[in-house]
PDB file of N, CA and C in Angstrom:
ATOM      1  N   MET A   1       1.831 -11.585 -11.991  1.00  0.00           N
ATOM      2  CA  MET A   1       3.134 -11.225 -12.522  1.00  0.00           C
ATOM      3  C   MET A   1       3.146  -9.809 -13.104  1.00  0.00           C
ATOM      4  N   ALA A   2       1.998  -9.406 -13.663  1.00  0.00           N
ATOM      5  CA  ALA A   2       1.923  -8.064 -14.247  1.00  0.00           C
ATOM      6  C   ALA A   2       2.105  -7.001 -13.181  1.00  0.00           C
ATOM      7  N   TRP A   3       1.556  -7.229 -11.990  1.00  0.00           N
ATOM      8  CA  TRP A   3       1.694  -6.235 -10.924  1.00  0.00           C
ATOM      9  C   TRP A   3       3.122  -6.148 -10.414  1.00  0.00           C
ATOM     10  N   VAL A   4       3.802  -7.288 -10.374  1.00  0.00           N
ATOM     11  CA  VAL A   4       5.224  -7.281  -9.979  1.00  0.00           C
ATOM     12  C   VAL A   4       6.025  -6.498 -11.011  1.00  0.00           C
ATOM     13  N   SER A   5       5.745  -6.748 -12.289  1.00  0.00           N
ATOM     14  CA  SER A   5       6.426  -6.009 -13.354  1.00  0.00           C
ATOM     15  C   SER A   5       6.155  -4.518 -13.253  1.00  0.00           C
ATOM     16  N   LEU A   6       4.925  -4.156 -12.906  1.00  0.00           N
ATOM     17  CA  LEU A   6       4.570  -2.747 -12.794  1.00  0.00           C
ATOM     18  C   LEU A   6       5.295  -2.069 -11.635  1.00  0.00           C
ATOM     19  N   VAL A   7       5.382  -2.749 -10.506  1.00  0.00           N
ATOM     20  CA  VAL A   7       6.114  -2.186  -9.363  1.00  0.00           C
ATOM     21  C   VAL A   7       7.591  -2.042  -9.713  1.00  0.00           C
ATOM     22  N   LEU A   8       8.164  -3.049 -10.359  1.00  0.00           N
ATOM     23  CA  LEU A   8       9.563  -2.950 -10.789  1.00  0.00           C
ATOM     24  C   LEU A   8       9.752  -1.789 -11.764  1.00  0.00           C
ATOM     25  N   ALA A   9       8.811  -1.607 -12.666  1.00  0.00           N
ATOM     26  CA  ALA A   9       8.885  -0.488 -13.612  1.00  0.00           C
ATOM     27  C   ALA A   9       8.911   0.837 -12.866  1.00  0.00           C
ATOM     28  N   GLY A  10       8.065   0.966 -11.858  1.00  0.00           N
ATOM     29  CA  GLY A  10       8.037   2.192 -11.065  1.00  0.00           C
ATOM     30  C   GLY A  10       9.320   2.410 -10.285  1.00  0.00           C
ATOM     31  N   LEU A  11       9.880   1.344  -9.741  1.00  0.00           N
ATOM     32  CA  LEU A  11      11.137   1.465  -8.996  1.00  0.00           C
ATOM     33  C   LEU A  11      12.292   1.845  -9.911  1.00  0.00           C
ATOM     34  N   PHE A  12      12.329   1.261 -11.106  1.00  0.00           N
ATOM     35  CA  PHE A  12      13.374   1.643 -12.055  1.00  0.00           C
ATOM     36  C   PHE A  12      13.168   3.073 -12.550  1.00  0.00           C
ATOM     37  N   GLU A  13      11.912   3.504 -12.626  1.00  0.00           N
ATOM     38  CA  GLU A  13      11.629   4.896 -12.989  1.00  0.00           C
ATOM     39  C   GLU A  13      12.219   5.837 -11.929  1.00  0.00           C
ATOM     40  N   THR A  14      12.028   5.486 -10.669  1.00  0.00           N
ATOM     41  CA  THR A  14      12.588   6.274  -9.575  1.00  0.00           C
ATOM     42  C   THR A  14      14.108   6.298  -9.658  1.00  0.00           C
ATOM     43  N   PHE A  15      14.708   5.153  -9.944  1.00  0.00           N
ATOM     44  CA  PHE A  15      16.161   5.073 -10.106  1.00  0.00           C
ATOM     45  C   PHE A  15      16.624   5.967 -11.251  1.00  0.00           C
ATOM     46  N   GLY A  16      15.889   5.932 -12.365  1.00  0.00           N
ATOM     47  CA  GLY A  16      16.235   6.784 -13.504  1.00  0.00           C
ATOM     48  C   GLY A  16      16.207   8.262 -13.154  1.00  0.00           C
ATOM     49  N   VAL A  17      15.210   8.656 -12.370  1.00  0.00           N
ATOM     50  CA  VAL A  17      15.111  10.052 -11.943  1.00  0.00           C
ATOM     51  C   VAL A  17      16.309  10.425 -11.067  1.00  0.00           C
ATOM     52  N   LEU A  18      16.694   9.530 -10.170  1.00  0.00           N
ATOM     53  CA  LEU A  18      17.883   9.785  -9.349  1.00  0.00           C
ATOM     54  C   LEU A  18      19.126   9.944 -10.217  1.00  0.00           C
ATOM     55  N   MET A  19      19.215   9.153 -11.272  1.00  0.00           N
ATOM     56  CA  MET A  19      20.380   9.237 -12.145  1.00  0.00           C
ATOM     57  C   MET A  19      20.377  10.525 -12.974  1.00  0.00           C
ATOM     58  N   ILE A  20      19.195  11.065 -13.267  1.00  0.00           N
ATOM     59  CA  ILE A  20      19.149  12.371 -13.927  1.00  0.00           C
ATOM     60  C   ILE A  20      19.806  13.407 -13.019  1.00  0.00           C
ATOM     61  N   ASN A  21      19.458  13.374 -11.743  1.00  0.00           N
ATOM     62  CA  ASN A  21      20.035  14.320 -10.787  1.00  0.00           C
ATOM     63  C   ASN A  21      21.543  14.109 -10.660  1.00  0.00           C
ATOM     64  N   LYS A  22      21.966  12.848 -10.606  1.00  0.00           N
ATOM     65  CA  LYS A  22      23.399  12.552 -10.507  1.00  0.00           C
ATOM     66  C   LYS A  22      24.136  13.024 -11.756  1.00  0.00           C
ATOM     67  N   PHE A  23      23.553  12.784 -12.919  1.00  0.00           N
ATOM     68  CA  PHE A  23      24.183  13.227 -14.158  1.00  0.00           C
ATOM     69  C   PHE A  23      24.276  14.751 -14.209  1.00  0.00           C
ATOM     70  N   HIS A  24      23.242  15.416 -13.748  1.00  0.00           N
ATOM     71  CA  HIS A  24      23.236  16.883 -13.728  1.00  0.00           C
ATOM     72  C   HIS A  24      24.386  17.418 -12.866  1.00  0.00           C
ATOM     73  N   LYS A  25      24.691  16.726 -11.778  1.00  0.00           N
ATOM     74  CA  LYS A  25      25.746  17.171 -10.872  1.00  0.00           C
ATOM     75  C   LYS A  25      27.138  16.734 -11.329  1.00  0.00           C
ATOM     76  N   ASP A  26      27.279  15.489 -11.796  1.00  0.00           N
ATOM     77  CA  ASP A  26      28.606  14.922 -12.077  1.00  0.00           C
ATOM     78  C   ASP A  26      29.040  15.014 -13.539  1.00  0.00           C
ATOM     79  N   ARG A  27      28.091  14.917 -14.457  1.00  0.00           N
ATOM     80  CA  ARG A  27      28.396  14.948 -15.898  1.00  0.00           C
ATOM     81  C   ARG A  27      29.444  13.898 -16.297  1.00  0.00           C
ATOM     82  N   ASP A  28      29.291  12.679 -15.776  1.00  0.00           N
ATOM     83  CA  ASP A  28      30.225  11.615 -16.140  1.00  0.00           C
ATOM     84  C   ASP A  28      29.499  10.520 -16.918  1.00  0.00           C
ATOM     85  N   TRP A  29      30.264   9.668 -17.568  1.00  0.00           N
ATOM     86  CA  TRP A  29      29.693   8.622 -18.413  1.00  0.00           C
ATOM     87  C   TRP A  29      28.955   7.573 -17.586  1.00  0.00           C
ATOM     88  N   LYS A  30      29.407   7.319 -16.363  1.00  0.00           N
ATOM     89  CA  LYS A  30      28.753   6.315 -15.520  1.00  0.00           C
ATOM     90  C   LYS A  30      27.311   6.720 -15.218  1.00  0.00           C
ATOM     91  N   SER A  31      27.106   7.992 -14.936  1.00  0.00           N
ATOM     92  CA  SER A  31      25.755   8.483 -14.635  1.00  0.00           C
ATOM     93  C   SER A  31      24.825   8.321 -15.827  1.00  0.00           C
ATOM     94  N   ILE A  32      25.302   8.630 -17.015  1.00  0.00           N
ATOM     95  CA  ILE A  32      24.445   8.528 -18.202  1.00  0.00           C
ATOM     96  C   ILE A  32      24.140   7.072 -18.529  1.00  0.00           C
ATOM     97  N   VAL A  33      25.106   6.184 -18.317  1.00  0.00           N
ATOM     98  CA  VAL A  33      24.865   4.750 -18.546  1.00  0.00           C
ATOM     99  C   VAL A  33      23.811   4.236 -17.575  1.00  0.00           C
ATOM    100  N   LEU A  34      23.937   4.609 -16.294  1.00  0.00           N
ATOM    101  CA  LEU A  34      22.954   4.177 -15.300  1.00  0.00           C
ATOM    102  C   LEU A  34      21.579   4.781 -15.573  1.00  0.00           C
ATOM    103  N   LEU A  35      21.549   6.009 -16.058  1.00  0.00           N
ATOM    104  CA  LEU A  35      20.292   6.656 -16.416  1.00  0.00           C
ATOM    105  C   LEU A  35      19.596   5.873 -17.531  1.00  0.00           C
ATOM    106  N   VAL A  36      20.327   5.529 -18.564  1.00  0.00           N
ATOM    107  CA  VAL A  36      19.755   4.783 -19.692  1.00  0.00           C
ATOM    108  C   VAL A  36      19.291   3.402 -19.241  1.00  0.00           C
ATOM    109  N   ILE A  37      20.089   2.743 -18.406  1.00  0.00           N
ATOM    110  CA  ILE A  37      19.699   1.422 -17.892  1.00  0.00           C
ATOM    111  C   ILE A  37      18.423   1.528 -17.058  1.00  0.00           C
ATOM    112  N   GLY A  38      18.374   2.533 -16.179  1.00  0.00           N
ATOM    113  CA  GLY A  38      17.198   2.704 -15.329  1.00  0.00           C
ATOM    114  C   GLY A  38      15.924   2.921 -16.127  1.00  0.00           C
ATOM    115  N   PHE A  39      15.955   3.865 -17.060  1.00  0.00           N
ATOM    116  CA  PHE A  39      14.750   4.123 -17.846  1.00  0.00           C
ATOM    117  C   PHE A  39      14.458   2.992 -18.837  1.00  0.00           C
ATOM    118  N   GLY A  40      15.512   2.367 -19.360  1.00  0.00           N
ATOM    119  CA  GLY A  40      15.299   1.223 -20.250  1.00  0.00           C
ATOM    120  C   GLY A  40      14.592   0.085 -19.536  1.00  0.00           C
ATOM    121  N   ALA A  41      15.048  -0.230 -18.329  1.00  0.00           N
ATOM    122  CA  ALA A  41      14.409  -1.278 -17.536  1.00  0.00           C
ATOM    123  C   ALA A  41      12.982  -0.873 -17.168  1.00  0.00           C
ATOM    124  N   SER A  42      12.798   0.399 -16.847  1.00  0.00           N
ATOM    125  CA  SER A  42      11.468   0.879 -16.488  1.00  0.00           C
ATOM    126  C   SER A  42      10.481   0.680 -17.631  1.00  0.00           C
ATOM    127  N   PHE A  43      10.866   1.088 -18.827  1.00  0.00           N
ATOM    128  CA  PHE A  43       9.969   0.928 -19.974  1.00  0.00           C
ATOM    129  C   PHE A  43       9.755  -0.542 -20.325  1.00  0.00           C
ATOM    130  N   THR A  44      10.780  -1.357 -20.141  1.00  0.00           N
ATOM    131  CA  THR A  44      10.636  -2.779 -20.427  1.00  0.00           C
ATOM    132  C   THR A  44       9.623  -3.424 -19.491  1.00  0.00           C
ATOM    133  N   PHE A  45       9.754  -3.159 -18.183  1.00  0.00           N
ATOM    134  CA  PHE A  45       8.811  -3.732 -17.231  1.00  0.00           C
ATOM    135  C   PHE A  45       7.410  -3.152 -17.400  1.00  0.00           C
ATOM    136  N   LEU A  46       7.314  -1.870 -17.746  1.00  0.00           N
ATOM    137  CA  LEU A  46       6.001  -1.278 -18.006  1.00  0.00           C
ATOM    138  C   LEU A  46       5.343  -1.963 -19.203  1.00  0.00           C
ATOM    139  N   SER A  47       6.110  -2.222 -20.219  1.00  0.00           N
ATOM    140  CA  SER A  47       5.587  -2.899 -21.398  1.00  0.00           C
ATOM    141  C   SER A  47       5.076  -4.296 -21.052  1.00  0.00           C
ATOM    142  N   LEU A  48       5.820  -5.007 -20.224  1.00  0.00           N
ATOM    143  CA  LEU A  48       5.385  -6.344 -19.798  1.00  0.00           C
ATOM    144  C   LEU A  48       4.086  -6.266 -19.004  1.00  0.00           C
ATOM    145  N   ALA A  49       3.992  -5.287 -18.114  1.00  0.00           N
ATOM    146  CA  ALA A  49       2.783  -5.146 -17.300  1.00  0.00           C
ATOM    147  C   ALA A  49       1.574  -4.813 -18.161  1.00  0.00           C
ATOM    148  N   MET A  50       1.779  -4.006 -19.201  1.00  0.00           N
ATOM    149  CA  MET A  50       0.667  -3.565 -20.032  1.00  0.00           C
ATOM    150  C   MET A  50       0.144  -4.651 -20.967  1.00  0.00           C
ATOM    151  N   LYS A  51       0.811  -5.793 -21.017  1.00  0.00           N
ATOM    152  CA  LYS A  51       0.263  -6.921 -21.783  1.00  0.00           C
ATOM    153  C   LYS A  51      -0.991  -7.459 -21.107  1.00  0.00           C
ATOM    154  N   THR A  52      -1.083  -7.259 -19.792  1.00  0.00           N
ATOM    155  CA  THR A  52      -2.213  -7.777 -19.024  1.00  0.00           C
ATOM    156  C   THR A  52      -3.090  -6.669 -18.453  1.00  0.00           C
ATOM    157  N   LEU A  53      -2.459  -5.640 -17.915  1.00  0.00           N
ATOM    158  CA  LEU A  53      -3.190  -4.573 -17.232  1.00  0.00           C
ATOM    159  C   LEU A  53      -3.675  -3.513 -18.212  1.00  0.00           C
ATOM    160  N   PRO A  54      -4.796  -2.866 -17.899  1.00  0.00           N
ATOM    161  CA  PRO A  54      -5.255  -1.763 -18.748  1.00  0.00           C
ATOM    162  C   PRO A  54      -4.228  -0.631 -18.779  1.00  0.00           C
ATOM    163  N   MET A  55      -4.109   0.009 -19.916  1.00  0.00           N
ATOM    164  CA  MET A  55      -3.112   1.057 -20.097  1.00  0.00           C
ATOM    165  C   MET A  55      -3.255   2.171 -19.059  1.00  0.00           C
ATOM    166  N   GLY A  56      -4.473   2.656 -18.842  1.00  0.00           N
ATOM    167  CA  GLY A  56      -4.677   3.759 -17.911  1.00  0.00           C
ATOM    168  C   GLY A  56      -4.258   3.414 -16.495  1.00  0.00           C
ATOM    169  N   THR A  57      -4.601   2.238 -16.044  1.00  0.00           N
ATOM    170  CA  THR A  57      -4.220   1.790 -14.707  1.00  0.00           C
ATOM    171  C   THR A  57      -2.711   1.643 -14.597  1.00  0.00           C
ATOM    172  N   ALA A  58      -2.112   0.966 -15.569  1.00  0.00           N
ATOM    173  CA  ALA A  58      -0.661   0.742 -15.543  1.00  0.00           C
ATOM    174  C   ALA A  58       0.097   2.060 -15.558  1.00  0.00           C
ATOM    175  N   TYR A  59      -0.311   2.965 -16.419  1.00  0.00           N
ATOM    176  CA  TYR A  59       0.389   4.246 -16.529  1.00  0.00           C
ATOM    177  C   TYR A  59       0.233   5.070 -15.255  1.00  0.00           C
ATOM    178  N   ALA A  60      -0.966   5.100 -14.696  1.00  0.00           N
ATOM    179  CA  ALA A  60      -1.200   5.874 -13.479  1.00  0.00           C
ATOM    180  C   ALA A  60      -0.360   5.359 -12.317  1.00  0.00           C
ATOM    181  N   ILE A  61      -0.294   4.063 -12.160  1.00  0.00           N
ATOM    182  CA  ILE A  61       0.485   3.497 -11.062  1.00  0.00           C
ATOM    183  C   ILE A  61       1.973   3.688 -11.308  1.00  0.00           C
ATOM    184  N   TRP A  62       2.413   3.500 -12.546  1.00  0.00           N
ATOM    185  CA  TRP A  62       3.825   3.680 -12.887  1.00  0.00           C
ATOM    186  C   TRP A  62       4.279   5.105 -12.592  1.00  0.00           C
ATOM    187  N   THR A  63       3.493   6.072 -13.021  1.00  0.00           N
ATOM    188  CA  THR A  63       3.872   7.462 -12.759  1.00  0.00           C
ATOM    189  C   THR A  63       3.756   7.801 -11.280  1.00  0.00           C
ATOM    190  N   GLY A  64       2.784   7.205 -10.604  1.00  0.00           N
ATOM    191  CA  GLY A  64       2.635   7.443  -9.167  1.00  0.00           C
ATOM    192  C   GLY A  64       3.823   6.944  -8.374  1.00  0.00           C
ATOM    193  N   ILE A  65       4.285   5.745  -8.705  1.00  0.00           N
ATOM    194  CA  ILE A  65       5.466   5.204  -8.026  1.00  0.00           C
ATOM    195  C   ILE A  65       6.682   6.066  -8.336  1.00  0.00           C
ATOM    196  N   GLY A  66       6.851   6.423  -9.598  1.00  0.00           N
ATOM    197  CA  GLY A  66       8.001   7.241  -9.984  1.00  0.00           C
ATOM    198  C   GLY A  66       7.992   8.618  -9.331  1.00  0.00           C
ATOM    199  N   ALA A  67       6.833   9.262  -9.328  1.00  0.00           N
ATOM    200  CA  ALA A  67       6.739  10.609  -8.756  1.00  0.00           C
ATOM    201  C   ALA A  67       6.904  10.596  -7.243  1.00  0.00           C
ATOM    202  N   SER A  68       6.191   9.706  -6.576  1.00  0.00           N
ATOM    203  CA  SER A  68       6.304   9.666  -5.113  1.00  0.00           C
ATOM    204  C   SER A  68       7.674   9.156  -4.690  1.00  0.00           C
ATOM    205  N   GLY A  69       8.204   8.169  -5.406  1.00  0.00           N
ATOM    206  CA  GLY A  69       9.550   7.674  -5.091  1.00  0.00           C
ATOM    207  C   GLY A  69      10.602   8.755  -5.261  1.00  0.00           C
ATOM    208  N   GLY A  70      10.492   9.508  -6.353  1.00  0.00           N
ATOM    209  CA  GLY A  70      11.442  10.599  -6.571  1.00  0.00           C
ATOM    210  C   GLY A  70      11.341  11.667  -5.500  1.00  0.00           C
ATOM    211  N   ALA A  71      10.118  11.996  -5.102  1.00  0.00           N
ATOM    212  CA  ALA A  71       9.929  13.012  -4.060  1.00  0.00           C
ATOM    213  C   ALA A  71      10.464  12.527  -2.711  1.00  0.00           C
ATOM    214  N   ILE A  72      10.190  11.281  -2.376  1.00  0.00           N
ATOM    215  CA  ILE A  72      10.665  10.733  -1.101  1.00  0.00           C
ATOM    216  C   ILE A  72      12.186  10.672  -1.073  1.00  0.00           C
ATOM    217  N   LEU A  73      12.784  10.176  -2.146  1.00  0.00           N
ATOM    218  CA  LEU A  73      14.247  10.093  -2.181  1.00  0.00           C
ATOM    219  C   LEU A  73      14.881  11.479  -2.210  1.00  0.00           C
ATOM    220  N   GLY A  74      14.209  12.445  -2.820  1.00  0.00           N
ATOM    221  CA  GLY A  74      14.699  13.818  -2.791  1.00  0.00           C
ATOM    222  C   GLY A  74      14.750  14.355  -1.366  1.00  0.00           C
ATOM    223  N   MET A  75      13.739  14.014  -0.578  1.00  0.00           N
ATOM    224  CA  MET A  75      13.728  14.441   0.823  1.00  0.00           C
ATOM    225  C   MET A  75      14.817  13.736   1.628  1.00  0.00           C
ATOM    226  N   VAL A  76      14.973  12.437   1.389  1.00  0.00           N
ATOM    227  CA  VAL A  76      15.929  11.638   2.173  1.00  0.00           C
ATOM    228  C   VAL A  76      17.373  11.916   1.760  1.00  0.00           C
ATOM    229  N   LEU A  77      17.629  11.952   0.467  1.00  0.00           N
ATOM    230  CA  LEU A  77      19.012  12.040  -0.014  1.00  0.00           C
ATOM    231  C   LEU A  77      19.506  13.456  -0.282  1.00  0.00           C
ATOM    232  N   TYR A  78      18.592  14.370  -0.633  1.00  0.00           N
ATOM    233  CA  TYR A  78      19.031  15.684  -1.081  1.00  0.00           C
ATOM    234  C   TYR A  78      18.503  16.838  -0.243  1.00  0.00           C
ATOM    235  N   GLY A  79      17.921  16.532   0.901  1.00  0.00           N
ATOM    236  CA  GLY A  79      17.498  17.583   1.813  1.00  0.00           C
ATOM    237  C   GLY A  79      16.343  18.436   1.319  1.00  0.00           C
ATOM    238  N   GLU A  80      15.514  17.899   0.436  1.00  0.00           N
ATOM    239  CA  GLU A  80      14.350  18.650  -0.023  1.00  0.00           C
ATOM    240  C   GLU A  80      13.352  18.797   1.124  1.00  0.00           C
ATOM    241  N   SER A  81      12.450  19.716   0.978  1.00  0.00           N
ATOM    242  CA  SER A  81      11.479  20.039   2.026  1.00  0.00           C
ATOM    243  C   SER A  81      10.716  18.804   2.501  1.00  0.00           C
ATOM    244  N   LYS A  82      10.586  18.693   3.831  1.00  0.00           N
ATOM    245  CA  LYS A  82       9.819  17.607   4.437  1.00  0.00           C
ATOM    246  C   LYS A  82       8.545  18.164   5.079  1.00  0.00           C
ATOM    247  N   ASP A  83       8.014  19.201   4.485  1.00  0.00           N
ATOM    248  CA  ASP A  83       6.808  19.844   4.990  1.00  0.00           C
ATOM    249  C   ASP A  83       5.683  18.811   5.086  1.00  0.00           C
ATOM    250  N   TRP A  84       4.899  18.881   6.137  1.00  0.00           N
ATOM    251  CA  TRP A  84       3.853  17.896   6.376  1.00  0.00           C
ATOM    252  C   TRP A  84       2.827  17.864   5.243  1.00  0.00           C
ATOM    253  N   ARG A  85       2.576  18.998   4.608  1.00  0.00           N
ATOM    254  CA  ARG A  85       1.619  19.027   3.497  1.00  0.00           C
ATOM    255  C   ARG A  85       2.157  18.253   2.298  1.00  0.00           C
ATOM    256  N   ARG A  86       3.438  18.372   2.077  1.00  0.00           N
ATOM    257  CA  ARG A  86       4.064  17.625   0.972  1.00  0.00           C
ATOM    258  C   ARG A  86       3.955  16.123   1.223  1.00  0.00           C
ATOM    259  N   ILE A  87       4.200  15.714   2.454  1.00  0.00           N
ATOM    260  CA  ILE A  87       4.113  14.303   2.814  1.00  0.00           C
ATOM    261  C   ILE A  87       2.681  13.793   2.660  1.00  0.00           C
ATOM    262  N   ILE A  88       1.704  14.598   3.031  1.00  0.00           N
ATOM    263  CA  ILE A  88       0.299  14.199   2.877  1.00  0.00           C
ATOM    264  C   ILE A  88      -0.039  13.979   1.402  1.00  0.00           C
ATOM    265  N   PHE A  89       0.402  14.881   0.546  1.00  0.00           N
ATOM    266  CA  PHE A  89       0.092  14.727  -0.875  1.00  0.00           C
ATOM    267  C   PHE A  89       0.827  13.541  -1.504  1.00  0.00           C
ATOM    268  N   ILE A  90       2.037  13.278  -1.071  1.00  0.00           N
ATOM    269  CA  ILE A  90       2.735  12.078  -1.542  1.00  0.00           C
ATOM    270  C   ILE A  90       1.964  10.838  -1.096  1.00  0.00           C
ATOM    271  N   GLY A  91       1.491  10.857   0.152  1.00  0.00           N
ATOM    272  CA  GLY A  91       0.671   9.749   0.644  1.00  0.00           C
ATOM    273  C   GLY A  91      -0.598   9.564  -0.171  1.00  0.00           C
ATOM    274  N   MET A  92      -1.195  10.658  -0.595  1.00  0.00           N
ATOM    275  CA  MET A  92      -2.405  10.570  -1.418  1.00  0.00           C
ATOM    276  C   MET A  92      -2.113   9.895  -2.752  1.00  0.00           C
ATOM    277  N   VAL A  93      -0.963  10.199  -3.343  1.00  0.00           N
ATOM    278  CA  VAL A  93      -0.578   9.549  -4.601  1.00  0.00           C
ATOM    279  C   VAL A  93      -0.412   8.048  -4.379  1.00  0.00           C
ATOM    280  N   ILE A  94       0.251   7.686  -3.288  1.00  0.00           N
ATOM    281  CA  ILE A  94       0.472   6.267  -2.992  1.00  0.00           C
ATOM    282  C   ILE A  94      -0.861   5.561  -2.737  1.00  0.00           C
ATOM    283  N   PHE A  95      -1.741   6.177  -1.950  1.00  0.00           N
ATOM    284  CA  PHE A  95      -3.038   5.564  -1.681  1.00  0.00           C
ATOM    285  C   PHE A  95      -3.891   5.469  -2.943  1.00  0.00           C
ATOM    286  N   ALA A  96      -3.772   6.419  -3.846  1.00  0.00           N
ATOM    287  CA  ALA A  96      -4.494   6.346  -5.112  1.00  0.00           C
ATOM    288  C   ALA A  96      -4.004   5.155  -5.933  1.00  0.00           C
ATOM    289  N   ALA A  97      -2.705   4.912  -5.937  1.00  0.00           N
ATOM    290  CA  ALA A  97      -2.158   3.758  -6.655  1.00  0.00           C
ATOM    291  C   ALA A  97      -2.675   2.462  -6.041  1.00  0.00           C
ATOM    292  N   ILE A  98      -2.695   2.408  -4.701  1.00  0.00           N
ATOM    293  CA  ILE A  98      -3.220   1.215  -4.031  1.00  0.00           C
ATOM    294  C   ILE A  98      -4.704   1.037  -4.357  1.00  0.00           C
ATOM    295  N   GLY A  99      -5.438   2.138  -4.377  1.00  0.00           N
ATOM    296  CA  GLY A  99      -6.853   2.081  -4.730  1.00  0.00           C
ATOM    297  C   GLY A  99      -7.072   1.540  -6.144  1.00  0.00           C
ATOM    298  N   LEU A 100      -6.261   1.969  -7.072  1.00  0.00           N
ATOM    299  CA  LEU A 100      -6.367   1.443  -8.445  1.00  0.00           C
ATOM    300  C   LEU A 100      -6.094  -0.053  -8.480  1.00  0.00           C
ATOM    301  N   ARG A 101      -5.153  -0.475  -7.680  1.00  0.00           N
ATOM    302  CA  ARG A 101      -4.855  -1.921  -7.613  1.00  0.00           C
ATOM    303  C   ARG A 101      -6.056  -2.698  -7.068  1.00  0.00           C
ATOM    304  N   LEU A 102      -6.692  -2.144  -6.062  1.00  0.00           N
ATOM    305  CA  LEU A 102      -7.812  -2.833  -5.426  1.00  0.00           C
ATOM    306  C   LEU A 102      -9.025  -2.944  -6.345  1.00  0.00           C
ATOM    307  N   VAL A 103      -9.228  -1.972  -7.219  1.00  0.00           N
ATOM    308  CA  VAL A 103     -10.394  -2.022  -8.094  1.00  0.00           C
ATOM    309  C   VAL A 103     -10.079  -2.611  -9.471  1.00  0.00           C
ATOM    310  N   SER A 104      -8.841  -2.989  -9.709  1.00  0.00           N
ATOM    311  CA  SER A 104      -8.475  -3.555 -11.015  1.00  0.00           C
ATOM    312  C   SER A 104      -8.465  -5.072 -10.971  1.00  0.00           C
TER     313      SER A 104
END
């Protein structure tokens, strides 16, 4: 259950990052509400995961999901660079998270 909570925390972190970008562009109340909900849910699920998982592992995976998710969605939704080197490094972050899961 802790790993499910951790993945959810990372996904909500990615959602929160998307809402930061939306708020920056729109400056409306809906964006700020969704931003707060996204990060609030992210921290809540991270807290649940950290009841069982070591802090370093949980934090590394949470940030890895958030960073790679934000980069991938930036490429898909906002036309950010899809350079092959960028994709390789995003893949390395994802594989590092999987590696931490395998050794934890």
